[in-house]
C-alpha atoms as a PDB file:
ATOM      1  CA  MET A   1     -48.117  49.400 -10.226  1.00  0.00           C
ATOM      2  CA  ASP A   2     -51.648  49.797  -9.008  1.00  0.00           C
ATOM      3  CA  ARG A   3     -53.209  52.928 -10.138  1.00  0.00           C
ATOM      4  CA  PRO A   4     -56.024  54.926  -8.387  1.00  0.00           C
ATOM      5  CA  ALA A   5     -59.425  54.425 -10.698  1.00  0.00           C
ATOM      6  CA  ILE A   6     -60.669  57.684 -12.584  1.00  0.00           C
ATOM      7  CA  ALA A   7     -63.380  58.782 -10.343  1.00  0.00           C
ATOM      8  CA  GLN A   8     -64.300  62.143 -12.278  1.00  0.00           C
ATOM      9  CA  PHE A   9     -63.519  63.632 -15.606  1.00  0.00           C
ATOM     10  CA  HIS A  10     -64.291  66.709 -17.051  1.00  0.00           C
ATOM     11  CA  ALA A  11     -64.542  68.739 -20.158  1.00  0.00           C
ATOM     12  CA  HIS A  12     -64.448  72.319 -21.620  1.00  0.00           C
ATOM     13  CA  ILE A  13     -66.917  73.774 -23.926  1.00  0.00           C
ATOM     14  CA  TYR A  14     -65.812  76.344 -25.591  1.00  0.00           C
ATOM     15  CA  TYR A  15     -67.466  79.255 -27.681  1.00  0.00           C
ATOM     16  CA  ASP A  16     -67.508  82.715 -29.488  1.00  0.00           C
ATOM     17  CA  PRO A  17     -69.200  84.950 -26.872  1.00  0.00           C
ATOM     18  CA  ALA A  18     -69.871  87.428 -29.953  1.00  0.00           C
ATOM     19  CA  THR A  19     -71.358  84.339 -32.256  1.00  0.00           C
ATOM     20  CA  SER A  20     -72.065  81.233 -30.183  1.00  0.00           C
ATOM     21  CA  ARG A  21     -72.354  81.547 -26.713  1.00  0.00           C
ATOM     22  CA  PRO A  22     -76.343  81.327 -27.151  1.00  0.00           C
ATOM     23  CA  ARG A  23     -75.803  78.350 -29.011  1.00  0.00           C
ATOM     24  CA  ALA A  24     -73.324  77.523 -25.412  1.00  0.00           C
ATOM     25  CA  GLU A  25     -75.986  78.525 -23.733  1.00  0.00           C
ATOM     26  CA  ARG A  26     -78.597  75.958 -24.963  1.00  0.00           C
ATOM     27  CA  LEU A  27     -76.162  72.969 -24.293  1.00  0.00           C
ATOM     28  CA  ARG A  28     -75.708  73.746 -21.026  1.00  0.00           C
ATOM     29  CA  GLU A  29     -79.559  74.018 -20.299  1.00  0.00           C
ATOM     30  CA  ARG A  30     -79.935  70.645 -21.611  1.00  0.00           C
ATOM     31  CA  VAL A  31     -76.807  69.000 -20.091  1.00  0.00           C
ATOM     32  CA  ALA A  32     -78.085  70.396 -16.812  1.00  0.00           C
ATOM     33  CA  ALA A  33     -81.525  68.686 -17.198  1.00  0.00           C
ATOM     34  CA  ALA A  34     -80.071  65.598 -18.474  1.00  0.00           C
ATOM     35  CA  PHE A  35     -76.986  65.227 -16.390  1.00  0.00           C
ATOM     36  CA  PRO A  36     -78.212  67.071 -13.115  1.00  0.00           C
ATOM     37  CA  GLN A  37     -75.166  64.771 -11.247  1.00  0.00           C
ATOM     38  CA  ALA A  38     -72.713  67.045 -13.514  1.00  0.00           C
ATOM     39  CA  ARG A  39     -71.332  69.965 -12.196  1.00  0.00           C
ATOM     40  CA  LEU A  40     -71.513  73.581 -14.303  1.00  0.00           C
ATOM     41  CA  GLY A  41     -68.080  75.844 -14.278  1.00  0.00           C
ATOM     42  CA  ARG A  42     -68.609  79.262 -14.434  1.00  0.00           C
ATOM     43  CA  TRP A  43     -68.937  81.081 -18.125  1.00  0.00           C
ATOM     44  CA  HIS A  44     -65.647  82.281 -19.064  1.00  0.00           C
ATOM     45  CA  ASP A  45     -66.157  85.040 -21.455  1.00  0.00           C
ATOM     46  CA  GLU A  46     -62.724  86.011 -21.185  1.00  0.00           C
ATOM     47  CA  LEU A  47     -59.374  84.410 -21.658  1.00  0.00           C
ATOM     48  CA  VAL A  48     -58.378  82.021 -18.963  1.00  0.00           C
ATOM     49  CA  GLY A  49     -55.786  79.950 -18.567  1.00  0.00           C
ATOM     50  CA  PRO A  50     -53.880  77.954 -21.276  1.00  0.00           C
ATOM     51  CA  HIS A  51     -57.983  78.016 -23.097  1.00  0.00           C
ATOM     52  CA  PRO A  52     -57.516  79.427 -26.579  1.00  0.00           C
ATOM     53  CA  GLN A  53     -61.305  81.114 -26.263  1.00  0.00           C
ATOM     54  CA  SER A  54     -63.650  81.766 -24.107  1.00  0.00           C
ATOM     55  CA  MET A  55     -65.177  78.373 -22.120  1.00  0.00           C
ATOM     56  CA  PHE A  56     -67.002  77.170 -19.402  1.00  0.00           C
ATOM     57  CA  GLN A  57     -66.137  73.268 -18.029  1.00  0.00           C
ATOM     58  CA  ILE A  58     -68.172  70.447 -16.868  1.00  0.00           C
ATOM     59  CA  ALA A  59     -67.584  67.577 -14.517  1.00  0.00           C
ATOM     60  CA  PHE A  60     -68.823  64.652 -14.242  1.00  0.00           C
ATOM     61  CA  PRO A  61     -68.332  61.505 -12.520  1.00  0.00           C
ATOM     62  CA  ALA A  62     -66.580  58.054 -14.036  1.00  0.00           C
ATOM     63  CA  GLU A  63     -69.522  56.262 -14.239  1.00  0.00           C
ATOM     64  CA  MET A  64     -71.612  58.734 -16.303  1.00  0.00           C
ATOM     65  CA  PHE A  65     -68.628  58.601 -18.930  1.00  0.00           C
ATOM     66  CA  SER A  66     -70.611  56.428 -21.231  1.00  0.00           C
ATOM     67  CA  ALA A  67     -74.124  58.597 -21.139  1.00  0.00           C
ATOM     68  CA  PHE A  68     -72.441  62.002 -21.558  1.00  0.00           C
ATOM     69  CA  VAL A  69     -69.670  61.647 -23.766  1.00  0.00           C
ATOM     70  CA  PRO A  70     -71.659  60.102 -27.128  1.00  0.00           C
END
């Protein structure tokens, strides 16, 4: 059975709004500068969906995987 190629991935960046949001903000700025093709999701300081803590999402094309994930 032929399966379609994976076109995109996403990562969730979890943080604590009271203690680690500034660090998450710095990471987000670095990702935006280094990977302009990545899409940065909204900040969710309140819990959303099944996520166990505050987070934002980074979506990125599959061809960026080997540069982004390490």
